[in-house]
PDB file of N, CA and C in Angstrom:
ATOM      1  N   MET A   1      66.613 133.107 101.006  1.00  0.00           N
ATOM      2  CA  MET A   1      65.475 132.288 100.633  1.00  0.00           C
ATOM      3  C   MET A   1      64.230 133.171 100.667  1.00  0.00           C
ATOM      4  N   ILE A   2      63.472 133.075  99.603  1.00  0.00           N
ATOM      5  CA  ILE A   2      62.275 133.898  99.509  1.00  0.00           C
ATOM      6  C   ILE A   2      61.061 132.987  99.657  1.00  0.00           C
ATOM      7  N   SER A   3      60.335 133.161 100.712  1.00  0.00           N
ATOM      8  CA  SER A   3      59.153 132.337 100.921  1.00  0.00           C
ATOM      9  C   SER A   3      57.915 133.145 100.580  1.00  0.00           C
ATOM     10  N   GLU A   4      56.808 132.464 100.455  1.00  0.00           N
ATOM     11  CA  GLU A   4      55.540 133.151 100.181  1.00  0.00           C
ATOM     12  C   GLU A   4      55.202 134.124 101.301  1.00  0.00           C
ATOM     13  N   GLU A   5      55.646 133.812 102.517  1.00  0.00           N
ATOM     14  CA  GLU A   5      55.392 134.701 103.660  1.00  0.00           C
ATOM     15  C   GLU A   5      56.086 136.044 103.461  1.00  0.00           C
ATOM     16  N   ILE A   6      57.320 135.997 102.974  1.00  0.00           N
ATOM     17  CA  ILE A   6      58.068 137.235 102.711  1.00  0.00           C
ATOM     18  C   ILE A   6      57.421 138.000 101.565  1.00  0.00           C
ATOM     19  N   ILE A   7      57.065 137.281 100.519  1.00  0.00           N
ATOM     20  CA  ILE A   7      56.434 137.919  99.362  1.00  0.00           C
ATOM     21  C   ILE A   7      55.123 138.588  99.769  1.00  0.00           C
ATOM     22  N   ALA A   8      54.384 137.956 100.659  1.00  0.00           N
ATOM     23  CA  ALA A   8      53.102 138.508 101.104  1.00  0.00           C
ATOM     24  C   ALA A   8      53.277 139.846 101.837  1.00  0.00           C
ATOM     25  N   LYS A   9      54.448 140.069 102.422  1.00  0.00           N
ATOM     26  CA  LYS A   9      54.703 141.313 103.142  1.00  0.00           C
ATOM     27  C   LYS A   9      55.098 142.459 102.212  1.00  0.00           C
ATOM     28  N   LEU A  10      55.406 142.139 100.971  1.00  0.00           N
ATOM     29  CA  LEU A  10      55.781 143.170 100.004  1.00  0.00           C
ATOM     30  C   LEU A  10      54.555 143.968  99.575  1.00  0.00           C
ATOM     31  N   PRO A  11      54.767 145.211  99.143  1.00  0.00           N
ATOM     32  CA  PRO A  11      53.641 145.961  98.572  1.00  0.00           C
ATOM     33  C   PRO A  11      53.108 145.204  97.346  1.00  0.00           C
ATOM     34  N   LYS A  12      51.826 145.391  97.069  1.00  0.00           N
ATOM     35  CA  LYS A  12      51.172 144.675  95.955  1.00  0.00           C
ATOM     36  C   LYS A  12      51.953 144.806  94.659  1.00  0.00           C
ATOM     37  N   GLU A  13      52.425 146.003  94.372  1.00  0.00           N
ATOM     38  CA  GLU A  13      53.162 146.245  93.129  1.00  0.00           C
ATOM     39  C   GLU A  13      54.426 145.378  93.059  1.00  0.00           C
ATOM     40  N   GLU A  14      55.139 145.262  94.187  1.00  0.00           N
ATOM     41  CA  GLU A  14      56.354 144.448  94.245  1.00  0.00           C
ATOM     42  C   GLU A  14      56.022 142.952  94.142  1.00  0.00           C
ATOM     43  N   GLN A  15      54.908 142.552  94.732  1.00  0.00           N
ATOM     44  CA  GLN A  15      54.480 141.152  94.621  1.00  0.00           C
ATOM     45  C   GLN A  15      54.243 140.793  93.154  1.00  0.00           C
ATOM     46  N   GLU A  16      53.568 141.685  92.449  1.00  0.00           N
ATOM     47  CA  GLU A  16      53.284 141.445  91.033  1.00  0.00           C
ATOM     48  C   GLU A  16      54.574 141.386  90.222  1.00  0.00           C
ATOM     49  N   LYS A  17      55.510 142.296  90.511  1.00  0.00           N
ATOM     50  CA  LYS A  17      56.805 142.280  89.819  1.00  0.00           C
ATOM     51  C   LYS A  17      57.519 140.949  90.056  1.00  0.00           C
ATOM     52  N   PHE A  18      57.521 140.532  91.338  1.00  0.00           N
ATOM     53  CA  PHE A  18      58.190 139.279  91.675  1.00  0.00           C
ATOM     54  C   PHE A  18      57.578 138.112  90.905  1.00  0.00           C
ATOM     55  N   LYS A  19      56.257 138.035  90.910  1.00  0.00           N
ATOM     56  CA  LYS A  19      55.587 136.933  90.214  1.00  0.00           C
ATOM     57  C   LYS A  19      55.866 136.971  88.715  1.00  0.00           C
ATOM     58  N   LYS A  20      55.908 138.179  88.139  1.00  0.00           N
ATOM     59  CA  LYS A  20      56.230 138.299  86.710  1.00  0.00           C
ATOM     60  C   LYS A  20      57.632 137.776  86.430  1.00  0.00           C
ATOM     61  N   HIS A  21      58.586 138.163  87.286  1.00  0.00           N
ATOM     62  CA  HIS A  21      59.968 137.703  87.097  1.00  0.00           C
ATOM     63  C   HIS A  21      60.084 136.189  87.257  1.00  0.00           C
ATOM     64  N   ARG A  22      59.404 135.660  88.261  1.00  0.00           N
ATOM     65  CA  ARG A  22      59.447 134.209  88.485  1.00  0.00           C
ATOM     66  C   ARG A  22      58.853 133.482  87.284  1.00  0.00           C
ATOM     67  N   ASN A  23      57.711 133.952  86.803  1.00  0.00           N
ATOM     68  CA  ASN A  23      57.068 133.315  85.661  1.00  0.00           C
ATOM     69  C   ASN A  23      57.891 133.477  84.390  1.00  0.00           C
ATOM     70  N   ALA A  24      58.538 134.626  84.226  1.00  0.00           N
ATOM     71  CA  ALA A  24      59.399 134.836  83.056  1.00  0.00           C
ATOM     72  C   ALA A  24      60.582 133.874  83.094  1.00  0.00           C
ATOM     73  N   PHE A  25      61.144 133.686  84.297  1.00  0.00           N
ATOM     74  CA  PHE A  25      62.247 132.736  84.444  1.00  0.00           C
ATOM     75  C   PHE A  25      61.809 131.328  84.055  1.00  0.00           C
ATOM     76  N   LEU A  26      60.676 130.906  84.569  1.00  0.00           N
ATOM     77  CA  LEU A  26      60.175 129.568  84.253  1.00  0.00           C
ATOM     78  C   LEU A  26      59.883 129.423  82.763  1.00  0.00           C
ATOM     79  N   GLU A  27      59.317 130.440  82.174  1.00  0.00           N
ATOM     80  CA  GLU A  27      59.001 130.396  80.742  1.00  0.00           C
ATOM     81  C   GLU A  27      60.285 130.288  79.923  1.00  0.00           C
ATOM     82  N   LEU A  28      61.293 131.058  80.286  1.00  0.00           N
ATOM     83  CA  LEU A  28      62.580 130.996  79.598  1.00  0.00           C
ATOM     84  C   LEU A  28      63.194 129.613  79.750  1.00  0.00           C
ATOM     85  N   LEU A  29      63.183 129.092  80.957  1.00  0.00           N
ATOM     86  CA  LEU A  29      63.733 127.767  81.201  1.00  0.00           C
ATOM     87  C   LEU A  29      62.978 126.718  80.397  1.00  0.00           C
ATOM     88  N   ARG A  30      61.669 126.837  80.369  1.00  0.00           N
ATOM     89  CA  ARG A  30      60.834 125.881  79.648  1.00  0.00           C
ATOM     90  C   ARG A  30      61.159 125.897  78.159  1.00  0.00           C
ATOM     91  N   LYS A  31      61.405 127.059  77.600  1.00  0.00           N
ATOM     92  CA  LYS A  31      61.669 127.180  76.170  1.00  0.00           C
ATOM     93  C   LYS A  31      63.091 126.787  75.791  1.00  0.00           C
ATOM     94  N   ARG A  32      64.023 126.933  76.710  1.00  0.00           N
ATOM     95  CA  ARG A  32      65.430 126.754  76.365  1.00  0.00           C
ATOM     96  C   ARG A  32      66.021 125.427  76.799  1.00  0.00           C
ATOM     97  N   THR A  33      65.235 124.559  77.370  1.00  0.00           N
ATOM     98  CA  THR A  33      65.774 123.287  77.832  1.00  0.00           C
ATOM     99  C   THR A  33      65.040 122.140  77.165  1.00  0.00           C
ATOM    100  N   ASP A  34      65.640 120.969  77.291  1.00  0.00           N
ATOM    101  CA  ASP A  34      65.016 119.751  76.789  1.00  0.00           C
ATOM    102  C   ASP A  34      64.272 119.038  77.905  1.00  0.00           C
ATOM    103  N   TYR A  35      64.126 119.664  79.043  1.00  0.00           N
ATOM    104  CA  TYR A  35      63.555 118.999  80.196  1.00  0.00           C
ATOM    105  C   TYR A  35      62.055 118.808  80.025  1.00  0.00           C
ATOM    106  N   LYS A  36      61.674 117.634  79.586  1.00  0.00           N
ATOM    107  CA  LYS A  36      60.264 117.318  79.382  1.00  0.00           C
ATOM    108  C   LYS A  36      59.482 117.456  80.694  1.00  0.00           C
ATOM    109  N   GLU A  37      60.125 117.079  81.788  1.00  0.00           N
ATOM    110  CA  GLU A  37      59.441 117.139  83.081  1.00  0.00           C
ATOM    111  C   GLU A  37      59.100 118.583  83.464  1.00  0.00           C
ATOM    112  N   ILE A  38      59.957 119.524  83.111  1.00  0.00           N
ATOM    113  CA  ILE A  38      59.655 120.932  83.402  1.00  0.00           C
ATOM    114  C   ILE A  38      58.401 121.332  82.639  1.00  0.00           C
ATOM    115  N   GLU A  39      58.327 120.906  81.387  1.00  0.00           N
ATOM    116  CA  GLU A  39      57.136 121.197  80.582  1.00  0.00           C
ATOM    117  C   GLU A  39      55.889 120.608  81.239  1.00  0.00           C
ATOM    118  N   GLU A  40      56.011 119.367  81.705  1.00  0.00           N
ATOM    119  CA  GLU A  40      54.862 118.685  82.299  1.00  0.00           C
ATOM    120  C   GLU A  40      54.475 119.284  83.658  1.00  0.00           C
ATOM    121  N   ARG A  41      55.454 119.813  84.383  1.00  0.00           N
ATOM    122  CA  ARG A  41      55.191 120.306  85.737  1.00  0.00           C
ATOM    123  C   ARG A  41      55.195 121.824  85.806  1.00  0.00           C
ATOM    124  N   TYR A  42      55.085 122.496  84.669  1.00  0.00           N
ATOM    125  CA  TYR A  42      55.196 123.954  84.598  1.00  0.00           C
ATOM    126  C   TYR A  42      54.248 124.668  85.565  1.00  0.00           C
ATOM    127  N   GLU A  43      52.972 124.303  85.538  1.00  0.00           N
ATOM    128  CA  GLU A  43      52.001 124.989  86.409  1.00  0.00           C
ATOM    129  C   GLU A  43      52.320 124.765  87.881  1.00  0.00           C
ATOM    130  N   GLU A  44      52.728 123.542  88.212  1.00  0.00           N
ATOM    131  CA  GLU A  44      53.085 123.239  89.600  1.00  0.00           C
ATOM    132  C   GLU A  44      54.305 124.063  90.030  1.00  0.00           C
ATOM    133  N   LEU A  45      55.318 124.129  89.169  1.00  0.00           N
ATOM    134  CA  LEU A  45      56.521 124.895  89.485  1.00  0.00           C
ATOM    135  C   LEU A  45      56.199 126.378  89.646  1.00  0.00           C
ATOM    136  N   LYS A  46      55.294 126.870  88.824  1.00  0.00           N
ATOM    137  CA  LYS A  46      54.939 128.277  88.853  1.00  0.00           C
ATOM    138  C   LYS A  46      54.368 128.682  90.213  1.00  0.00           C
ATOM    139  N   GLU A  47      53.708 127.749  90.888  1.00  0.00           N
ATOM    140  CA  GLU A  47      53.063 128.058  92.172  1.00  0.00           C
ATOM    141  C   GLU A  47      53.966 127.805  93.376  1.00  0.00           C
ATOM    142  N   MET A  48      55.136 127.210  93.166  1.00  0.00           N
ATOM    143  CA  MET A  48      56.013 126.872  94.292  1.00  0.00           C
ATOM    144  C   MET A  48      56.713 128.102  94.846  1.00  0.00           C
ATOM    145  N   GLU A  49      57.132 127.972  96.092  1.00  0.00           N
ATOM    146  CA  GLU A  49      58.007 128.976  96.667  1.00  0.00           C
ATOM    147  C   GLU A  49      59.330 128.888  95.916  1.00  0.00           C
ATOM    148  N   VAL A  50      60.033 129.986  95.819  1.00  0.00           N
ATOM    149  CA  VAL A  50      61.253 130.051  95.020  1.00  0.00           C
ATOM    150  C   VAL A  50      62.292 129.001  95.435  1.00  0.00           C
ATOM    151  N   PRO A  51      62.631 128.858  96.728  1.00  0.00           N
ATOM    152  CA  PRO A  51      63.650 127.854  97.073  1.00  0.00           C
ATOM    153  C   PRO A  51      63.232 126.440  96.660  1.00  0.00           C
ATOM    154  N   LYS A  52      61.977 126.116  96.892  1.00  0.00           N
ATOM    155  CA  LYS A  52      61.506 124.781  96.527  1.00  0.00           C
ATOM    156  C   LYS A  52      61.528 124.616  95.006  1.00  0.00           C
ATOM    157  N   MET A  53      61.179 125.670  94.287  1.00  0.00           N
ATOM    158  CA  MET A  53      61.195 125.616  92.829  1.00  0.00           C
ATOM    159  C   MET A  53      62.614 125.322  92.337  1.00  0.00           C
ATOM    160  N   PHE A  54      63.608 126.036  92.867  1.00  0.00           N
ATOM    161  CA  PHE A  54      64.984 125.811  92.430  1.00  0.00           C
ATOM    162  C   PHE A  54      65.480 124.426  92.824  1.00  0.00           C
ATOM    163  N   ASN A  55      65.099 123.949  94.003  1.00  0.00           N
ATOM    164  CA  ASN A  55      65.477 122.591  94.400  1.00  0.00           C
ATOM    165  C   ASN A  55      64.878 121.561  93.456  1.00  0.00           C
ATOM    166  N   THR A  56      63.628 121.758  93.100  1.00  0.00           N
ATOM    167  CA  THR A  56      62.959 120.830  92.186  1.00  0.00           C
ATOM    168  C   THR A  56      63.618 120.861  90.816  1.00  0.00           C
ATOM    169  N   LEU A  57      63.909 122.056  90.316  1.00  0.00           N
ATOM    170  CA  LEU A  57      64.575 122.170  89.021  1.00  0.00           C
ATOM    171  C   LEU A  57      65.953 121.520  89.054  1.00  0.00           C
ATOM    172  N   GLU A  58      66.675 121.677  90.146  1.00  0.00           N
ATOM    173  CA  GLU A  58      67.994 121.055  90.278  1.00  0.00           C
ATOM    174  C   GLU A  58      67.879 119.530  90.293  1.00  0.00           C
ATOM    175  N   GLU A  59      66.870 118.999  90.978  1.00  0.00           N
ATOM    176  CA  GLU A  59      66.657 117.544  90.983  1.00  0.00           C
ATOM    177  C   GLU A  59      66.378 117.037  89.567  1.00  0.00           C
ATOM    178  N   ILE A  60      65.546 117.754  88.839  1.00  0.00           N
ATOM    179  CA  ILE A  60      65.233 117.366  87.459  1.00  0.00           C
ATOM    180  C   ILE A  60      66.501 117.398  86.611  1.00  0.00           C
ATOM    181  N   ALA A  61      67.274 118.466  86.736  1.00  0.00           N
ATOM    182  CA  ALA A  61      68.510 118.598  85.957  1.00  0.00           C
ATOM    183  C   ALA A  61      69.499 117.491  86.310  1.00  0.00           C
ATOM    184  N   LYS A  62      69.592 117.152  87.601  1.00  0.00           N
ATOM    185  CA  LYS A  62      70.508 116.091  88.041  1.00  0.00           C
ATOM    186  C   LYS A  62      70.107 114.751  87.431  1.00  0.00           C
ATOM    187  N   ARG A  63      68.808 114.443  87.451  1.00  0.00           N
ATOM    188  CA  ARG A  63      68.331 113.192  86.834  1.00  0.00           C
ATOM    189  C   ARG A  63      68.642 113.170  85.342  1.00  0.00           C
ATOM    190  N   ASP A  64      68.452 114.308  84.682  1.00  0.00           N
ATOM    191  CA  ASP A  64      68.743 114.375  83.252  1.00  0.00           C
ATOM    192  C   ASP A  64      70.230 114.180  82.973  1.00  0.00           C
ATOM    193  N   ARG A  65      71.091 114.750  83.830  1.00  0.00           N
ATOM    194  CA  ARG A  65      72.542 114.562  83.649  1.00  0.00           C
ATOM    195  C   ARG A  65      72.923 113.100  83.840  1.00  0.00           C
ATOM    196  N   GLU A  66      72.340 112.460  84.849  1.00  0.00           N
ATOM    197  CA  GLU A  66      72.633 111.040  85.091  1.00  0.00           C
ATOM    198  C   GLU A  66      72.151 110.185  83.926  1.00  0.00           C
ATOM    199  N   LYS A  67      70.971 110.501  83.408  1.00  0.00           N
ATOM    200  CA  LYS A  67      70.436 109.768  82.257  1.00  0.00           C
ATOM    201  C   LYS A  67      71.347 109.939  81.045  1.00  0.00           C
ATOM    202  N   ALA A  68      71.843 111.151  80.829  1.00  0.00           N
ATOM    203  CA  ALA A  68      72.741 111.417  79.704  1.00  0.00           C
ATOM    204  C   ALA A  68      74.049 110.646  79.862  1.00  0.00           C
ATOM    205  N   LYS A  69      74.532 110.546  81.109  1.00  0.00           N
ATOM    206  CA  LYS A  69      75.767 109.806  81.356  1.00  0.00           C
ATOM    207  C   LYS A  69      75.573 108.329  81.033  1.00  0.00           C
ATOM    208  N   VAL A  70      74.448 107.753  81.466  1.00  0.00           N
ATOM    209  CA  VAL A  70      74.150 106.344  81.185  1.00  0.00           C
ATOM    210  C   VAL A  70      74.032 106.132  79.675  1.00  0.00           C
ATOM    211  N   GLU A  71      73.325 107.039  79.003  1.00  0.00           N
ATOM    212  CA  GLU A  71      73.167 106.929  77.553  1.00  0.00           C
ATOM    213  C   GLU A  71      74.519 107.046  76.859  1.00  0.00           C
ATOM    214  N   GLY A  72      75.397 107.900  77.375  1.00  0.00           N
ATOM    215  CA  GLY A  72      76.740 108.038  76.809  1.00  0.00           C
ATOM    216  C   GLY A  72      77.534 106.752  76.919  1.00  0.00           C
ATOM    217  N   LYS A  73      77.425 106.088  78.067  1.00  0.00           N
ATOM    218  CA  LYS A  73      78.125 104.811  78.243  1.00  0.00           C
ATOM    219  C   LYS A  73      77.563 103.752  77.307  1.00  0.00           C
ATOM    220  N   LEU A  74      76.256 103.750  77.116  1.00  0.00           N
ATOM    221  CA  LEU A  74      75.642 102.793  76.199  1.00  0.00           C
ATOM    222  C   LEU A  74      76.125 103.057  74.773  1.00  0.00           C
ATOM    223  N   GLU A  75      76.227 104.329  74.411  1.00  0.00           N
ATOM    224  CA  GLU A  75      76.721 104.698  73.087  1.00  0.00           C
ATOM    225  C   GLU A  75      78.154 104.208  72.891  1.00  0.00           C
ATOM    226  N   GLU A  76      78.993 104.335  73.916  1.00  0.00           N
ATOM    227  CA  GLU A  76      80.371 103.829  73.854  1.00  0.00           C
ATOM    228  C   GLU A  76      80.386 102.322  73.636  1.00  0.00           C
ATOM    229  N   ARG A  77      79.515 101.605  74.334  1.00  0.00           N
ATOM    230  CA  ARG A  77      79.441 100.147  74.181  1.00  0.00           C
ATOM    231  C   ARG A  77      79.020  99.771  72.767  1.00  0.00           C
ATOM    232  N   ARG A  78      78.044 100.500  72.230  1.00  0.00           N
ATOM    233  CA  ARG A  78      77.602 100.230  70.855  1.00  0.00           C
ATOM    234  C   ARG A  78      78.770 100.362  69.880  1.00  0.00           C
ATOM    235  N   GLU A  79      79.517 101.459  70.005  1.00  0.00           N
ATOM    236  CA  GLU A  79      80.640 101.697  69.089  1.00  0.00           C
ATOM    237  C   GLU A  79      81.752 100.662  69.287  1.00  0.00           C
ATOM    238  N   PHE A  80      81.995 100.258  70.518  1.00  0.00           N
ATOM    239  CA  PHE A  80      82.987  99.213  70.786  1.00  0.00           C
ATOM    240  C   PHE A  80      82.589  97.908  70.092  1.00  0.00           C
ATOM    241  N   GLU A  81      81.329  97.534  70.241  1.00  0.00           N
ATOM    242  CA  GLU A  81      80.856  96.297  69.623  1.00  0.00           C
ATOM    243  C   GLU A  81      80.937  96.373  68.100  1.00  0.00           C
ATOM    244  N   ILE A  82      80.635  97.511  67.534  1.00  0.00           N
ATOM    245  CA  ILE A  82      80.746  97.684  66.086  1.00  0.00           C
ATOM    246  C   ILE A  82      82.201  97.495  65.642  1.00  0.00           C
ATOM    247  N   ARG A  83      83.157  98.072  66.402  1.00  0.00           N
ATOM    248  CA  ARG A  83      84.579  97.907  66.042  1.00  0.00           C
ATOM    249  C   ARG A  83      84.996  96.447  66.074  1.00  0.00           C
ATOM    250  N   ILE A  84      84.599  95.737  67.118  1.00  0.00           N
ATOM    251  CA  ILE A  84      84.978  94.317  67.233  1.00  0.00           C
ATOM    252  C   ILE A  84      84.310  93.499  66.124  1.00  0.00           C
ATOM    253  N   LEU A  85      83.018  93.732  65.932  1.00  0.00           N
ATOM    254  CA  LEU A  85      82.303  92.977  64.895  1.00  0.00           C
ATOM    255  C   LEU A  85      82.839  93.302  63.500  1.00  0.00           C
ATOM    256  N   SER A  86      83.274  94.522  63.281  1.00  0.00           N
ATOM    257  CA  SER A  86      83.861  94.900  61.986  1.00  0.00           C
ATOM    258  C   SER A  86      85.135  94.110  61.738  1.00  0.00           C
ATOM    259  N   LYS A  87      85.919  93.912  62.781  1.00  0.00           N
ATOM    260  CA  LYS A  87      87.143  93.107  62.636  1.00  0.00           C
ATOM    261  C   LYS A  87      86.810  91.645  62.367  1.00  0.00           C
ATOM    262  N   ARG A  88      85.753  91.167  63.004  1.00  0.00           N
ATOM    263  CA  ARG A  88      85.358  89.760  62.808  1.00  0.00           C
ATOM    264  C   ARG A  88      84.763  89.514  61.436  1.00  0.00           C
ATOM    265  N   PHE A  89      83.856  90.407  61.017  1.00  0.00           N
ATOM    266  CA  PHE A  89      83.067  90.136  59.817  1.00  0.00           C
ATOM    267  C   PHE A  89      83.463  90.951  58.591  1.00  0.00           C
ATOM    268  N   GLY A  90      84.325  91.929  58.774  1.00  0.00           N
ATOM    269  CA  GLY A  90      84.772  92.740  57.633  1.00  0.00           C
ATOM    270  C   GLY A  90      83.598  93.376  56.904  1.00  0.00           C
ATOM    271  N   ASN A  91      83.579  93.227  55.573  1.00  0.00           N
ATOM    272  CA  ASN A  91      82.549  93.843  54.726  1.00  0.00           C
ATOM    273  C   ASN A  91      81.152  93.277  54.959  1.00  0.00           C
ATOM    274  N   GLN A  92      81.065  92.113  55.596  1.00  0.00           N
ATOM    275  CA  GLN A  92      79.744  91.536  55.877  1.00  0.00           C
ATOM    276  C   GLN A  92      78.963  92.389  56.879  1.00  0.00           C
ATOM    277  N   LEU A  93      79.691  93.131  57.704  1.00  0.00           N
ATOM    278  CA  LEU A  93      79.033  94.022  58.657  1.00  0.00           C
ATOM    279  C   LEU A  93      78.755  95.333  57.921  1.00  0.00           C
ATOM    280  N   THR A  94      77.616  95.382  57.284  1.00  0.00           N
ATOM    281  CA  THR A  94      77.255  96.516  56.435  1.00  0.00           C
ATOM    282  C   THR A  94      76.915  97.760  57.270  1.00  0.00           C
ATOM    283  N   GLU A  95      76.848  98.896  56.594  1.00  0.00           N
ATOM    284  CA  GLU A  95      76.443 100.138  57.265  1.00  0.00           C
ATOM    285  C   GLU A  95      75.030 100.004  57.832  1.00  0.00           C
ATOM    286  N   GLU A  96      74.181  99.267  57.132  1.00  0.00           N
ATOM    287  CA  GLU A  96      72.808  99.048  57.613  1.00  0.00           C
ATOM    288  C   GLU A  96      72.817  98.319  58.957  1.00  0.00           C
ATOM    289  N   ILE A  97      73.644  97.300  59.074  1.00  0.00           N
ATOM    290  CA  ILE A  97      73.733  96.549  60.335  1.00  0.00           C
ATOM    291  C   ILE A  97      74.328  97.442  61.430  1.00  0.00           C
ATOM    292  N   LYS A  98      75.362  98.214  61.079  1.00  0.00           N
ATOM    293  CA  LYS A  98      75.969  99.127  62.054  1.00  0.00           C
ATOM    294  C   LYS A  98      74.932 100.129  62.571  1.00  0.00           C
ATOM    295  N   ASP A  99      74.130 100.661  61.665  1.00  0.00           N
ATOM    296  CA  ASP A  99      73.086 101.616  62.072  1.00  0.00           C
ATOM    297  C   ASP A  99      72.071 100.963  63.006  1.00  0.00           C
ATOM    298  N   LYS A 100      71.730  99.716  62.724  1.00  0.00           N
ATOM    299  CA  LYS A 100      70.784  99.016  63.588  1.00  0.00           C
ATOM    300  C   LYS A 100      71.379  98.788  64.975  1.00  0.00           C
ATOM    301  N   ILE A 101      72.675  98.505  65.024  1.00  0.00           N
ATOM    302  CA  ILE A 101      73.344  98.348  66.320  1.00  0.00           C
ATOM    303  C   ILE A 101      73.309  99.675  67.075  1.00  0.00           C
ATOM    304  N   ARG A 102      73.557 100.769  66.370  1.00  0.00           N
ATOM    305  CA  ARG A 102      73.550 102.099  66.997  1.00  0.00           C
ATOM    306  C   ARG A 102      72.172 102.465  67.555  1.00  0.00           C
ATOM    307  N   LYS A 103      71.126 101.884  66.984  1.00  0.00           N
ATOM    308  CA  LYS A 103      69.762 102.179  67.434  1.00  0.00           C
ATOM    309  C   LYS A 103      69.200 101.120  68.384  1.00  0.00           C
ATOM    310  N   ALA A 104      69.961 100.058  68.612  1.00  0.00           N
ATOM    311  CA  ALA A 104      69.476  98.940  69.431  1.00  0.00           C
ATOM    312  C   ALA A 104      69.320  99.343  70.894  1.00  0.00           C
ATOM    313  N   ASP A 105      68.384  98.685  71.565  1.00  0.00           N
ATOM    314  CA  ASP A 105      68.171  98.956  72.988  1.00  0.00           C
ATOM    315  C   ASP A 105      69.262  98.297  73.830  1.00  0.00           C
ATOM    316  N   GLU A 106      69.269  98.636  75.099  1.00  0.00           N
ATOM    317  CA  GLU A 106      70.322  98.164  75.997  1.00  0.00           C
ATOM    318  C   GLU A 106      70.343  96.640  76.118  1.00  0.00           C
ATOM    319  N   LYS A 107      69.181  96.017  76.143  1.00  0.00           N
ATOM    320  CA  LYS A 107      69.108  94.556  76.263  1.00  0.00           C
ATOM    321  C   LYS A 107      69.799  93.889  75.068  1.00  0.00           C
ATOM    322  N   THR A 108      69.548  94.401  73.876  1.00  0.00           N
ATOM    323  CA  THR A 108      70.164  93.849  72.666  1.00  0.00           C
ATOM    324  C   THR A 108      71.671  94.068  72.694  1.00  0.00           C
ATOM    325  N   ILE A 109      72.091  95.254  73.118  1.00  0.00           N
ATOM    326  CA  ILE A 109      73.525  95.558  73.200  1.00  0.00           C
ATOM    327  C   ILE A 109      74.201  94.642  74.215  1.00  0.00           C
ATOM    328  N   ASP A 110      73.535  94.389  75.340  1.00  0.00           N
ATOM    329  CA  ASP A 110      74.070  93.447  76.330  1.00  0.00           C
ATOM    330  C   ASP A 110      74.253  92.068  75.715  1.00  0.00           C
ATOM    331  N   TYR A 111      73.246  91.602  74.979  1.00  0.00           N
ATOM    332  CA  TYR A 111      73.311  90.272  74.365  1.00  0.00           C
ATOM    333  C   TYR A 111      74.472  90.193  73.367  1.00  0.00           C
ATOM    334  N   ILE A 112      74.573  91.202  72.510  1.00  0.00           N
ATOM    335  CA  ILE A 112      75.661  91.206  71.525  1.00  0.00           C
ATOM    336  C   ILE A 112      77.005  91.219  72.244  1.00  0.00           C
ATOM    337  N   GLY A 113      77.136  92.073  73.256  1.00  0.00           N
ATOM    338  CA  GLY A 113      78.390  92.158  73.999  1.00  0.00           C
ATOM    339  C   GLY A 113      78.766  90.853  74.680  1.00  0.00           C
ATOM    340  N   ASP A 114      77.780  90.175  75.236  1.00  0.00           N
ATOM    341  CA  ASP A 114      78.037  88.893  75.904  1.00  0.00           C
ATOM    342  C   ASP A 114      78.420  87.794  74.924  1.00  0.00           C
ATOM    343  N   ASN A 115      78.068  87.977  73.646  1.00  0.00           N
ATOM    344  CA  ASN A 115      78.285  86.928  72.651  1.00  0.00           C
ATOM    345  C   ASN A 115      79.165  87.387  71.488  1.00  0.00           C
ATOM    346  N   LEU A 116      79.999  88.383  71.714  1.00  0.00           N
ATOM    347  CA  LEU A 116      80.832  88.939  70.640  1.00  0.00           C
ATOM    348  C   LEU A 116      81.659  87.882  69.905  1.00  0.00           C
ATOM    349  N   LEU A 117      82.152  86.906  70.627  1.00  0.00           N
ATOM    350  CA  LEU A 117      83.040  85.917  69.999  1.00  0.00           C
ATOM    351  C   LEU A 117      82.296  84.759  69.350  1.00  0.00           C
ATOM    352  N   GLU A 118      81.045  84.538  69.744  1.00  0.00           N
ATOM    353  CA  GLU A 118      80.303  83.397  69.220  1.00  0.00           C
ATOM    354  C   GLU A 118      79.246  83.769  68.183  1.00  0.00           C
ATOM    355  N   ILE A 119      78.750  84.981  68.220  1.00  0.00           N
ATOM    356  CA  ILE A 119      77.629  85.362  67.370  1.00  0.00           C
ATOM    357  C   ILE A 119      78.038  85.290  65.891  1.00  0.00           C
ATOM    358  N   THR A 120      77.139  84.812  65.065  1.00  0.00           N
ATOM    359  CA  THR A 120      77.390  84.775  63.621  1.00  0.00           C
ATOM    360  C   THR A 120      76.738  85.994  62.979  1.00  0.00           C
ATOM    361  N   ILE A 121      77.124  86.274  61.750  1.00  0.00           N
ATOM    362  CA  ILE A 121      76.527  87.411  61.058  1.00  0.00           C
ATOM    363  C   ILE A 121      75.028  87.166  60.847  1.00  0.00           C
ATOM    364  N   GLU A 122      74.645  85.909  60.632  1.00  0.00           N
ATOM    365  CA  GLU A 122      73.237  85.569  60.474  1.00  0.00           C
ATOM    366  C   GLU A 122      72.472  85.800  61.775  1.00  0.00           C
ATOM    367  N   ASP A 123      73.074  85.385  62.902  1.00  0.00           N
ATOM    368  CA  ASP A 123      72.463  85.633  64.218  1.00  0.00           C
ATOM    369  C   ASP A 123      72.266  87.124  64.445  1.00  0.00           C
ATOM    370  N   LEU A 124      73.276  87.878  64.087  1.00  0.00           N
ATOM    371  CA  LEU A 124      73.223  89.323  64.270  1.00  0.00           C
ATOM    372  C   LEU A 124      72.108  89.947  63.441  1.00  0.00           C
ATOM    373  N   LYS A 125      72.004  89.546  62.193  1.00  0.00           N
ATOM    374  CA  LYS A 125      70.938  90.068  61.323  1.00  0.00           C
ATOM    375  C   LYS A 125      69.560  89.726  61.890  1.00  0.00           C
ATOM    376  N   GLU A 126      69.410  88.508  62.367  1.00  0.00           N
ATOM    377  CA  GLU A 126      68.128  88.075  62.932  1.00  0.00           C
ATOM    378  C   GLU A 126      67.808  88.859  64.195  1.00  0.00           C
ATOM    379  N   LEU A 127      68.783  89.048  65.028  1.00  0.00           N
ATOM    380  CA  LEU A 127      68.601  89.769  66.283  1.00  0.00           C
ATOM    381  C   LEU A 127      68.201  91.220  66.047  1.00  0.00           C
ATOM    382  N   LEU A 128      68.711  91.822  64.985  1.00  0.00           N
ATOM    383  CA  LEU A 128      68.503  93.240  64.735  1.00  0.00           C
ATOM    384  C   LEU A 128      67.316  93.536  63.814  1.00  0.00           C
ATOM    385  N   LYS A 129      66.514  92.539  63.492  1.00  0.00           N
ATOM    386  CA  LYS A 129      65.342  92.762  62.623  1.00  0.00           C
ATOM    387  C   LYS A 129      64.390  93.741  63.221  1.00  0.00           C
TER     388      LYS A 129
END
């Protein structure tokens, strides 16, 4: 673990090298990831001690992985509902309606899922406006 106390004991030249490497790492991470929070917290991360910086980055990455997992499950539900509705409505379930289902929020997907057997094609069109 490298703390600011340890860095302070290094010769000035080594301190500068360390800071350059740390900043280069953060810049690379910022450019190569989709982590919006890293972008927003870049200056704060740049000033952190290295262990705390890595812990913070790991927390951000963990939240992003969990969010992706939830979004993946929602995507599976959307596709499941499209398959069932396609069997119910055949050609009436147009590509336009399928696309709207794929873009629908979780609340709408929950409603459709809860009402798969009762919902009419007209109800579905109205819901997805």
